[in-house]
Protein backbone atom coordinates (compact mmCIF):
# COMPACT_ATOMS: atom_id res chain seq x y z
CA MET A 1 -0.07 0.12 0.07
CA GLN A 2 2.68 2.50 1.06
CA ILE A 3 4.73 1.73 -2.23
CA LEU A 4 1.63 2.39 -4.52
CA LYS A 5 1.09 5.74 -2.65
CA ARG A 6 4.76 6.80 -2.70
CA ALA A 7 4.82 5.95 -6.49
CA LEU A 8 1.60 8.06 -7.03
CA LEU A 9 3.01 10.95 -4.93
CA GLU A 10 6.31 10.80 -6.83
CA LYS A 11 4.42 11.12 -10.27
CA CYS A 12 2.45 13.97 -8.86
CA SER A 13 5.59 15.46 -7.51
CA GLN A 14 7.15 14.97 -11.26
CA TYR A 15 4.11 16.59 -12.74
CA VAL A 16 4.43 19.71 -10.49
CA GLU A 17 8.27 20.07 -11.01
CA GLU A 18 7.61 20.06 -15.00
CA ARG A 19 5.14 22.79 -14.56
CA ILE A 20 7.48 24.63 -12.46
CA LYS A 21 10.25 24.33 -14.88
CA SER A 22 8.20 25.05 -17.81
CA ALA A 23 6.93 28.30 -16.51
CA GLU A 24 10.38 29.48 -15.32
CA ASN A 25 11.66 28.81 -18.79
CA ALA A 26 8.86 30.62 -20.26
CA ILE A 27 9.36 33.61 -18.20
CA THR A 28 13.18 33.61 -18.89
CA SER A 29 12.55 33.29 -22.80
CA ALA A 30 10.06 36.26 -22.55
CA LYS A 31 12.50 38.38 -20.61
CA GLU A 32 15.22 37.75 -23.00
CA ALA A 33 13.27 38.59 -25.96
CA SER A 34 12.04 41.61 -24.36
CA GLN A 35 15.55 42.81 -23.69
CA ASP A 36 16.79 41.55 -27.15
CA ASP A 37 14.35 43.54 -29.10
CA THR A 38 16.11 46.66 -30.18
CA LYS A 39 14.08 49.95 -30.76
CA SER A 40 13.37 50.44 -34.38
CA SER A 41 12.56 53.73 -36.06
CA ALA A 42 8.88 52.92 -35.48
CA GLY A 43 8.84 53.35 -31.85
CA ASP A 44 5.28 51.99 -31.61
CA LYS A 45 6.29 48.53 -32.76
CA TYR A 46 9.14 48.33 -29.99
CA GLU A 47 6.50 49.34 -27.41
CA THR A 48 3.90 46.85 -28.53
CA THR A 49 6.44 44.07 -28.65
CA ARG A 50 7.44 44.99 -24.94
CA GLU A 51 3.90 44.96 -23.73
CA MET A 52 3.34 41.72 -25.43
CA MET A 53 6.28 40.15 -23.66
CA GLN A 54 5.37 41.67 -20.41
CA GLN A 55 1.95 40.00 -20.75
CA GLU A 56 3.64 36.74 -21.58
CA ILE A 57 5.81 37.16 -18.43
CA SER A 58 2.64 37.93 -16.29
CA ARG A 59 0.76 34.93 -17.58
CA ASN A 60 3.81 32.77 -16.94
CA GLU A 61 4.14 34.21 -13.54
CA ALA A 62 0.77 33.24 -12.72
CA GLN A 63 1.18 29.77 -14.03
CA LEU A 64 4.44 29.38 -11.81
CA TYR A 65 2.47 30.61 -8.68
CA GLU A 66 -0.27 28.10 -9.44
CA ALA A 67 2.28 25.41 -9.76
CA MET A 68 4.15 26.43 -6.34
CA LYS A 69 0.61 26.21 -4.78
CA LEU A 70 0.28 22.74 -6.07
CA LYS A 71 3.86 21.93 -4.74
CA HIS A 72 2.65 23.30 -1.34
CA GLN A 73 -0.51 21.22 -1.32
CA LEU A 74 1.61 18.00 -1.89
CA SER A 75 3.84 18.73 0.70
CA GLN A 76 0.85 18.74 3.01
CA ILE A 77 -0.08 15.16 2.08
CA SER A 78 0.64 12.27 4.40
CA ILE A 79 0.72 8.90 2.74
CA ASP A 80 2.05 7.17 6.08
CA LYS A 81 -1.33 7.17 7.74
CA SER A 82 -4.32 4.92 6.86
CA SER A 83 -7.93 5.51 7.43
CA ASP A 84 -11.28 3.84 6.86
CA SER A 85 -12.61 6.81 5.17
CA ILE A 86 -11.27 8.69 2.03
CA GLN A 87 -9.18 11.82 2.86
CA ASN A 88 -6.21 13.57 1.20
CA GLY A 89 -3.64 11.07 0.41
CA SER A 90 -6.14 8.20 0.04
CA VAL A 91 -6.28 5.90 -2.96
CA ALA A 92 -9.82 5.04 -3.55
CA ILE A 93 -10.59 1.92 -5.56
CA THR A 94 -13.86 1.97 -7.19
CA ASP A 95 -15.91 -0.19 -9.72
CA ASN A 96 -15.44 2.62 -12.48
CA GLY A 97 -11.88 3.68 -11.87
CA ASN A 98 -9.18 4.50 -9.23
CA PHE A 99 -8.57 7.78 -7.51
CA PHE A 100 -5.42 9.28 -5.84
CA ILE A 101 -6.80 12.25 -3.80
CA SER A 102 -3.88 14.68 -3.95
CA ILE A 103 -3.73 17.43 -6.70
CA SER A 104 -5.34 17.60 -10.01
CA ALA A 105 -2.58 15.78 -12.07
CA GLY A 106 -4.70 13.96 -14.56
CA LEU A 107 -4.19 10.16 -15.36
CA LEU A 108 -1.32 8.49 -13.77
CA THR A 109 -0.21 4.86 -14.58
CA ILE A 110 1.64 2.51 -11.88
CA GLU A 111 2.53 -0.75 -13.09
CA ASN A 112 0.03 -0.88 -15.80
CA GLU A 113 -2.69 0.30 -13.44
CA SER A 114 -4.58 3.51 -13.85
CA PHE A 115 -5.14 6.31 -11.28
CA PHE A 116 -6.71 9.63 -11.57
CA ALA A 117 -4.85 12.11 -9.55
CA ILE A 118 -7.49 14.45 -8.30
CA SER A 119 -7.86 17.30 -5.83
CA SER A 120 -10.30 17.01 -2.70
CA PHE A 121 -11.71 20.35 -3.99
CA SER A 122 -12.58 19.05 -7.48
CA PRO A 123 -16.21 17.99 -8.06
CA ILE A 124 -15.43 14.47 -7.79
CA GLY A 125 -13.03 14.87 -5.12
CA LYS A 126 -15.72 16.67 -2.84
CA GLN A 127 -18.01 13.51 -3.33
CA LEU A 128 -15.16 11.00 -2.54
CA ILE A 129 -13.97 12.78 0.81
CA GLY A 130 -15.25 10.99 3.88
CA LEU A 131 -16.72 8.06 2.07
CA ARG A 132 -16.00 4.37 3.29
CA THR A 133 -15.60 1.27 1.60
CA GLY A 134 -19.14 0.15 0.20
CA GLY A 135 -19.84 4.02 -0.15
CA MET A 136 -21.63 5.18 -3.41
CA PHE A 137 -21.71 8.46 -5.37
CA SER A 138 -22.70 9.60 -8.81
CA PHE A 139 -20.83 11.83 -11.16
CA ASN A 140 -21.70 12.77 -14.72
CA SER A 141 -24.54 10.38 -14.77
CA LYS A 142 -22.19 7.53 -13.72
CA ASP A 143 -22.46 5.42 -10.49
CA TYR A 144 -19.45 4.55 -8.52
CA THR A 145 -19.01 2.29 -5.52
CA ILE A 146 -15.99 2.22 -3.15
CA LEU A 147 -14.46 -1.28 -3.31
CA ASP A 148 -11.41 -0.48 -1.26
CA ILE A 149 -9.44 2.34 0.34
CA LYS A 150 -5.79 2.45 0.70
């Protein structure tokens, strides 16, 4: 059980680190492009390019901030404790898919088994939190039964 949770947590961490690195690289590229642009005789073109680069930097800084928030959320997850109800760090095995309650990182595959990494704040996460084995919920007109909690 701990090996599975650790592997899922590691995949989520890799996902977050890739998002952080991507945002940082985009910020660096936009700053370099902004600095490399030389002022032409048409000053408006220069100012427009600088403004576009500033917007690009701001957008990527927002993405970096969100990725850092995800990293913090991951650091708050304890995979060492077990519970008979679903909580952050739990793996919920259902009859219609497996869920790792952590951050929204999408589909993760561990040893040919699929898990959806979801946030406890997501619509499906909100329904899962607190359920016990045998519990049921519906999402997008699909019924789910909790078969096991790890």
